[in-house]
Amino acid sequence: MEAVKANHPRSVYELARDVRRDVKKVSTELAILQELGLVELKKTETPRGYVRPPVAYDSIILDIAV
C-alpha cells in the first residue's frame, strides 16, 4: 500500500512494475485489500478500462483483541 500511496500508479500493471512483482499476484492482493475495505479499485474511463488502486489515507491502526 505504500507503493500505491507514493507512486500513484495508473493501473495494476504499473503498480506491479513499480514493486517488481508479478501482475497476477499484485492483482490478487489488491482484491483481498478491497474486500477488507483498505483499497478501492476504480476502473478508468479509457478504452482498455485500466483499474486504478487509489489509497485515501496515510495510516492504518489495527486493534486486535487477544
PDB file of N, CA and C in Angstrom:
ATOM      1  N   MET A   1       0.820  -1.178   0.000  1.00  0.00           N
ATOM      2  CA  MET A   1       0.000   0.000   0.000  1.00  0.00           C
ATOM      3  C   MET A   1       0.872   1.253   0.000  1.00  0.00           C
ATOM      4  N   GLU A   2       2.074   1.131   0.537  1.00  0.00           N
ATOM      5  CA  GLU A   2       2.982   2.276   0.495  1.00  0.00           C
ATOM      6  C   GLU A   2       3.288   2.667  -0.943  1.00  0.00           C
ATOM      7  N   ALA A   3       3.494   1.665  -1.787  1.00  0.00           N
ATOM      8  CA  ALA A   3       3.812   1.941  -3.191  1.00  0.00           C
ATOM      9  C   ALA A   3       2.639   2.610  -3.896  1.00  0.00           C
ATOM     10  N   VAL A   4       1.433   2.228  -3.545  1.00  0.00           N
ATOM     11  CA  VAL A   4       0.247   2.854  -4.141  1.00  0.00           C
ATOM     12  C   VAL A   4       0.195   4.317  -3.728  1.00  0.00           C
ATOM     13  N   LYS A   5       0.384   4.565  -2.453  1.00  0.00           N
ATOM     14  CA  LYS A   5       0.319   5.935  -1.930  1.00  0.00           C
ATOM     15  C   LYS A   5       1.449   6.801  -2.497  1.00  0.00           C
ATOM     16  N   ALA A   6       2.637   6.239  -2.574  1.00  0.00           N
ATOM     17  CA  ALA A   6       3.798   7.017  -3.009  1.00  0.00           C
ATOM     18  C   ALA A   6       3.850   7.236  -4.518  1.00  0.00           C
ATOM     19  N   ASN A   7       3.504   6.206  -5.287  1.00  0.00           N
ATOM     20  CA  ASN A   7       3.700   6.265  -6.737  1.00  0.00           C
ATOM     21  C   ASN A   7       2.461   6.632  -7.542  1.00  0.00           C
ATOM     22  N   HIS A   8       1.288   6.551  -6.946  1.00  0.00           N
ATOM     23  CA  HIS A   8       0.030   6.846  -7.644  1.00  0.00           C
ATOM     24  C   HIS A   8      -0.051   6.131  -8.993  1.00  0.00           C
ATOM     25  N   PRO A   9       0.041   4.798  -8.982  1.00  0.00           N
ATOM     26  CA  PRO A   9       0.019   4.071 -10.258  1.00  0.00           C
ATOM     27  C   PRO A   9      -1.308   4.246 -10.981  1.00  0.00           C
ATOM     28  N   ARG A  10      -1.241   4.258 -12.309  1.00  0.00           N
ATOM     29  CA  ARG A  10      -2.445   4.408 -13.125  1.00  0.00           C
ATOM     30  C   ARG A  10      -3.109   3.080 -13.433  1.00  0.00           C
ATOM     31  N   SER A  11      -2.443   1.983 -13.047  1.00  0.00           N
ATOM     32  CA  SER A  11      -3.003   0.660 -13.305  1.00  0.00           C
ATOM     33  C   SER A  11      -2.348  -0.362 -12.385  1.00  0.00           C
ATOM     34  N   VAL A  12      -2.952  -1.537 -12.319  1.00  0.00           N
ATOM     35  CA  VAL A  12      -2.377  -2.630 -11.540  1.00  0.00           C
ATOM     36  C   VAL A  12      -1.045  -3.032 -12.164  1.00  0.00           C
ATOM     37  N   TYR A  13      -0.985  -3.045 -13.481  1.00  0.00           N
ATOM     38  CA  TYR A  13       0.263  -3.378 -14.172  1.00  0.00           C
ATOM     39  C   TYR A  13       1.379  -2.413 -13.767  1.00  0.00           C
ATOM     40  N   GLU A  14       1.060  -1.134 -13.742  1.00  0.00           N
ATOM     41  CA  GLU A  14       2.062  -0.129 -13.377  1.00  0.00           C
ATOM     42  C   GLU A  14       2.520  -0.324 -11.931  1.00  0.00           C
ATOM     43  N   LEU A  15       1.594  -0.641 -11.046  1.00  0.00           N
ATOM     44  CA  LEU A  15       1.957  -0.911  -9.652  1.00  0.00           C
ATOM     45  C   LEU A  15       2.868  -2.130  -9.568  1.00  0.00           C
ATOM     46  N   ALA A  16       2.511  -3.193 -10.271  1.00  0.00           N
ATOM     47  CA  ALA A  16       3.332  -4.412 -10.262  1.00  0.00           C
ATOM     48  C   ALA A  16       4.735  -4.116 -10.784  1.00  0.00           C
ATOM     49  N   ARG A  17       4.810  -3.315 -11.813  1.00  0.00           N
ATOM     50  CA  ARG A  17       6.115  -2.936 -12.361  1.00  0.00           C
ATOM     51  C   ARG A  17       6.909  -2.132 -11.332  1.00  0.00           C
ATOM     52  N   ASP A  18       6.246  -1.199 -10.659  1.00  0.00           N
ATOM     53  CA  ASP A  18       6.924  -0.358  -9.668  1.00  0.00           C
ATOM     54  C   ASP A  18       7.507  -1.174  -8.519  1.00  0.00           C
ATOM     55  N   VAL A  19       6.780  -2.203  -8.090  1.00  0.00           N
ATOM     56  CA  VAL A  19       7.238  -3.008  -6.953  1.00  0.00           C
ATOM     57  C   VAL A  19       7.962  -4.282  -7.395  1.00  0.00           C
ATOM     58  N   ARG A  20       8.124  -4.428  -8.714  1.00  0.00           N
ATOM     59  CA  ARG A  20       8.841  -5.568  -9.305  1.00  0.00           C
ATOM     60  C   ARG A  20       8.258  -6.906  -8.861  1.00  0.00           C
ATOM     61  N   ARG A  21       6.927  -7.006  -9.035  1.00  0.00           N
ATOM     62  CA  ARG A  21       6.229  -8.236  -8.671  1.00  0.00           C
ATOM     63  C   ARG A  21       5.322  -8.655  -9.810  1.00  0.00           C
ATOM     64  N   ASP A  22       4.902  -9.900  -9.779  1.00  0.00           N
ATOM     65  CA  ASP A  22       4.020 -10.460 -10.791  1.00  0.00           C
ATOM     66  C   ASP A  22       2.657  -9.759 -10.761  1.00  0.00           C
ATOM     67  N   VAL A  23       2.143  -9.411 -11.927  1.00  0.00           N
ATOM     68  CA  VAL A  23       0.870  -8.689 -12.029  1.00  0.00           C
ATOM     69  C   VAL A  23      -0.266  -9.488 -11.399  1.00  0.00           C
ATOM     70  N   LYS A  24      -0.314 -10.781 -11.641  1.00  0.00           N
ATOM     71  CA  LYS A  24      -1.392 -11.620 -11.098  1.00  0.00           C
ATOM     72  C   LYS A  24      -1.381 -11.600  -9.571  1.00  0.00           C
ATOM     73  N   LYS A  25      -0.202 -11.699  -8.980  1.00  0.00           N
ATOM     74  CA  LYS A  25      -0.108 -11.688  -7.515  1.00  0.00           C
ATOM     75  C   LYS A  25      -0.521 -10.334  -6.948  1.00  0.00           C
ATOM     76  N   VAL A  26      -0.082  -9.270  -7.581  1.00  0.00           N
ATOM     77  CA  VAL A  26      -0.460  -7.926  -7.129  1.00  0.00           C
ATOM     78  C   VAL A  26      -1.968  -7.747  -7.254  1.00  0.00           C
ATOM     79  N   SER A  27      -2.532  -8.202  -8.354  1.00  0.00           N
ATOM     80  CA  SER A  27      -3.972  -8.100  -8.575  1.00  0.00           C
ATOM     81  C   SER A  27      -4.747  -8.876  -7.509  1.00  0.00           C
ATOM     82  N   THR A  28      -4.284 -10.072  -7.191  1.00  0.00           N
ATOM     83  CA  THR A  28      -4.935 -10.894  -6.167  1.00  0.00           C
ATOM     84  C   THR A  28      -4.869 -10.215  -4.803  1.00  0.00           C
ATOM     85  N   GLU A  29      -3.708  -9.676  -4.471  1.00  0.00           N
ATOM     86  CA  GLU A  29      -3.559  -8.999  -3.180  1.00  0.00           C
ATOM     87  C   GLU A  29      -4.421  -7.741  -3.105  1.00  0.00           C
ATOM     88  N   LEU A  30      -4.522  -7.011  -4.205  1.00  0.00           N
ATOM     89  CA  LEU A  30      -5.386  -5.831  -4.224  1.00  0.00           C
ATOM     90  C   LEU A  30      -6.851  -6.219  -4.046  1.00  0.00           C
ATOM     91  N   ALA A  31      -7.246  -7.337  -4.628  1.00  0.00           N
ATOM     92  CA  ALA A  31      -8.626  -7.810  -4.469  1.00  0.00           C
ATOM     93  C   ALA A  31      -8.912  -8.129  -3.002  1.00  0.00           C
ATOM     94  N   ILE A  32      -7.956  -8.728  -2.323  1.00  0.00           N
ATOM     95  CA  ILE A  32      -8.116  -9.027  -0.893  1.00  0.00           C
ATOM     96  C   ILE A  32      -8.204  -7.731  -0.093  1.00  0.00           C
ATOM     97  N   LEU A  33      -7.330  -6.781  -0.398  1.00  0.00           N
ATOM     98  CA  LEU A  33      -7.359  -5.492   0.298  1.00  0.00           C
ATOM     99  C   LEU A  33      -8.672  -4.756   0.042  1.00  0.00           C
ATOM    100  N   GLN A  34      -9.226  -4.924  -1.151  1.00  0.00           N
ATOM    101  CA  GLN A  34     -10.513  -4.303  -1.454  1.00  0.00           C
ATOM    102  C   GLN A  34     -11.623  -4.952  -0.624  1.00  0.00           C
ATOM    103  N   GLU A  35     -11.592  -6.272  -0.501  1.00  0.00           N
ATOM    104  CA  GLU A  35     -12.588  -6.972   0.319  1.00  0.00           C
ATOM    105  C   GLU A  35     -12.535  -6.501   1.769  1.00  0.00           C
ATOM    106  N   LEU A  36     -11.341  -6.176   2.242  1.00  0.00           N
ATOM    107  CA  LEU A  36     -11.168  -5.703   3.614  1.00  0.00           C
ATOM    108  C   LEU A  36     -11.497  -4.217   3.763  1.00  0.00           C
ATOM    109  N   GLY A  37     -11.762  -3.554   2.641  1.00  0.00           N
ATOM    110  CA  GLY A  37     -12.098  -2.141   2.674  1.00  0.00           C
ATOM    111  C   GLY A  37     -10.894  -1.219   2.773  1.00  0.00           C
ATOM    112  N   LEU A  38      -9.706  -1.740   2.483  1.00  0.00           N
ATOM    113  CA  LEU A  38      -8.494  -0.937   2.601  1.00  0.00           C
ATOM    114  C   LEU A  38      -8.108  -0.235   1.309  1.00  0.00           C
ATOM    115  N   VAL A  39      -8.591  -0.745   0.189  1.00  0.00           N
ATOM    116  CA  VAL A  39      -8.300  -0.171  -1.123  1.00  0.00           C
ATOM    117  C   VAL A  39      -9.591  -0.201  -1.926  1.00  0.00           C
ATOM    118  N   GLU A  40      -9.796   0.819  -2.728  1.00  0.00           N
ATOM    119  CA  GLU A  40     -10.949   0.841  -3.625  1.00  0.00           C
ATOM    120  C   GLU A  40     -10.425   0.810  -5.057  1.00  0.00           C
ATOM    121  N   LEU A  41     -10.704  -0.267  -5.764  1.00  0.00           N
ATOM    122  CA  LEU A  41     -10.240  -0.380  -7.143  1.00  0.00           C
ATOM    123  C   LEU A  41     -11.217   0.355  -8.050  1.00  0.00           C
ATOM    124  N   LYS A  42     -10.691   1.276  -8.848  1.00  0.00           N
ATOM    125  CA  LYS A  42     -11.535   2.094  -9.716  1.00  0.00           C
ATOM    126  C   LYS A  42     -11.153   1.879 -11.168  1.00  0.00           C
ATOM    127  N   LYS A  43     -12.156   1.595 -12.000  1.00  0.00           N
ATOM    128  CA  LYS A  43     -11.903   1.480 -13.440  1.00  0.00           C
ATOM    129  C   LYS A  43     -11.761   2.872 -14.027  1.00  0.00           C
ATOM    130  N   THR A  44     -10.763   3.027 -14.878  1.00  0.00           N
ATOM    131  CA  THR A  44     -10.573   4.312 -15.540  1.00  0.00           C
ATOM    132  C   THR A  44     -11.461   4.377 -16.775  1.00  0.00           C
ATOM    133  N   GLU A  45     -11.685   5.561 -17.240  1.00  0.00           N
ATOM    134  CA  GLU A  45     -12.524   5.737 -18.424  1.00  0.00           C
ATOM    135  C   GLU A  45     -11.661   5.810 -19.675  1.00  0.00           C
ATOM    136  N   THR A  46     -10.862   4.782 -19.853  1.00  0.00           N
ATOM    137  CA  THR A  46     -10.033   4.663 -21.047  1.00  0.00           C
ATOM    138  C   THR A  46     -10.544   3.473 -21.843  1.00  0.00           C
ATOM    139  N   PRO A  47     -10.173   3.381 -23.094  1.00  0.00           N
ATOM    140  CA  PRO A  47     -10.642   2.242 -23.896  1.00  0.00           C
ATOM    141  C   PRO A  47     -10.308   0.882 -23.279  1.00  0.00           C
ATOM    142  N   ARG A  48      -9.176   0.778 -22.612  1.00  0.00           N
ATOM    143  CA  ARG A  48      -8.793  -0.506 -22.017  1.00  0.00           C
ATOM    144  C   ARG A  48      -9.393  -0.700 -20.632  1.00  0.00           C
ATOM    145  N   GLY A  49      -9.922   0.340 -20.024  1.00  0.00           N
ATOM    146  CA  GLY A  49     -10.542   0.223 -18.709  1.00  0.00           C
ATOM    147  C   GLY A  49      -9.577  -0.205 -17.622  1.00  0.00           C
ATOM    148  N   TYR A  50      -8.429   0.457 -17.553  1.00  0.00           N
ATOM    149  CA  TYR A  50      -7.449   0.142 -16.514  1.00  0.00           C
ATOM    150  C   TYR A  50      -8.087   0.244 -15.137  1.00  0.00           C
ATOM    151  N   VAL A  51      -7.570  -0.526 -14.202  1.00  0.00           N
ATOM    152  CA  VAL A  51      -8.044  -0.467 -12.825  1.00  0.00           C
ATOM    153  C   VAL A  51      -7.002   0.265 -11.997  1.00  0.00           C
ATOM    154  N   ARG A  52      -7.423   1.385 -11.378  1.00  0.00           N
ATOM    155  CA  ARG A  52      -6.531   2.171 -10.521  1.00  0.00           C
ATOM    156  C   ARG A  52      -6.760   1.771  -9.071  1.00  0.00           C
ATOM    157  N   PRO A  53      -5.688   1.639  -8.294  1.00  0.00           N
ATOM    158  CA  PRO A  53      -5.832   1.303  -6.877  1.00  0.00           C
ATOM    159  C   PRO A  53      -5.518   2.483  -5.953  1.00  0.00           C
ATOM    160  N   PRO A  54      -6.371   3.516  -5.907  1.00  0.00           N
ATOM    161  CA  PRO A  54      -6.043   4.654  -5.040  1.00  0.00           C
ATOM    162  C   PRO A  54      -6.176   4.318  -3.550  1.00  0.00           C
ATOM    163  N   VAL A  55      -5.386   4.987  -2.740  1.00  0.00           N
ATOM    164  CA  VAL A  55      -5.450   4.850  -1.281  1.00  0.00           C
ATOM    165  C   VAL A  55      -5.722   6.243  -0.730  1.00  0.00           C
ATOM    166  N   ALA A  56      -6.740   6.366   0.113  1.00  0.00           N
ATOM    167  CA  ALA A  56      -7.177   7.687   0.567  1.00  0.00           C
ATOM    168  C   ALA A  56      -6.789   8.010   2.010  1.00  0.00           C
ATOM    169  N   TYR A  57      -5.788   7.353   2.547  1.00  0.00           N
ATOM    170  CA  TYR A  57      -5.393   7.630   3.924  1.00  0.00           C
ATOM    171  C   TYR A  57      -3.891   7.447   4.071  1.00  0.00           C
ATOM    172  N   ASP A  58      -3.357   7.956   5.181  1.00  0.00           N
ATOM    173  CA  ASP A  58      -1.918   7.906   5.413  1.00  0.00           C
ATOM    174  C   ASP A  58      -1.482   6.785   6.345  1.00  0.00           C
ATOM    175  N   SER A  59      -2.394   6.312   7.192  1.00  0.00           N
ATOM    176  CA  SER A  59      -2.022   5.244   8.115  1.00  0.00           C
ATOM    177  C   SER A  59      -3.241   4.394   8.454  1.00  0.00           C
ATOM    178  N   ILE A  60      -2.954   3.206   8.957  1.00  0.00           N
ATOM    179  CA  ILE A  60      -3.998   2.279   9.393  1.00  0.00           C
ATOM    180  C   ILE A  60      -3.651   1.860  10.813  1.00  0.00           C
ATOM    181  N   ILE A  61      -4.609   1.942  11.697  1.00  0.00           N
ATOM    182  CA  ILE A  61      -4.407   1.481  13.068  1.00  0.00           C
ATOM    183  C   ILE A  61      -5.165   0.176  13.215  1.00  0.00           C
ATOM    184  N   LEU A  62      -4.451  -0.849  13.570  1.00  0.00           N
ATOM    185  CA  LEU A  62      -5.028  -2.179  13.698  1.00  0.00           C
ATOM    186  C   LEU A  62      -5.122  -2.536  15.172  1.00  0.00           C
ATOM    187  N   ASP A  63      -6.326  -2.815  15.633  1.00  0.00           N
ATOM    188  CA  ASP A  63      -6.559  -3.151  17.033  1.00  0.00           C
ATOM    189  C   ASP A  63      -7.043  -4.594  17.093  1.00  0.00           C
ATOM    190  N   ILE A  64      -6.215  -5.475  17.648  1.00  0.00           N
ATOM    191  CA  ILE A  64      -6.556  -6.888  17.724  1.00  0.00           C
ATOM    192  C   ILE A  64      -6.722  -7.275  19.193  1.00  0.00           C
ATOM    193  N   ALA A  65      -7.908  -7.726  19.528  1.00  0.00           N
ATOM    194  CA  ALA A  65      -8.157  -8.174  20.901  1.00  0.00           C
ATOM    195  C   ALA A  65      -7.609  -9.587  21.077  1.00  0.00           C
ATOM    196  N   VAL A  66      -6.979  -9.826  22.215  1.00  0.00           N
ATOM    197  CA  VAL A  66      -6.452 -11.172  22.496  1.00  0.00           C
ATOM    198  C   VAL A  66      -7.048 -11.722  23.767  1.00  0.00           C
TER     199      VAL A  66
END
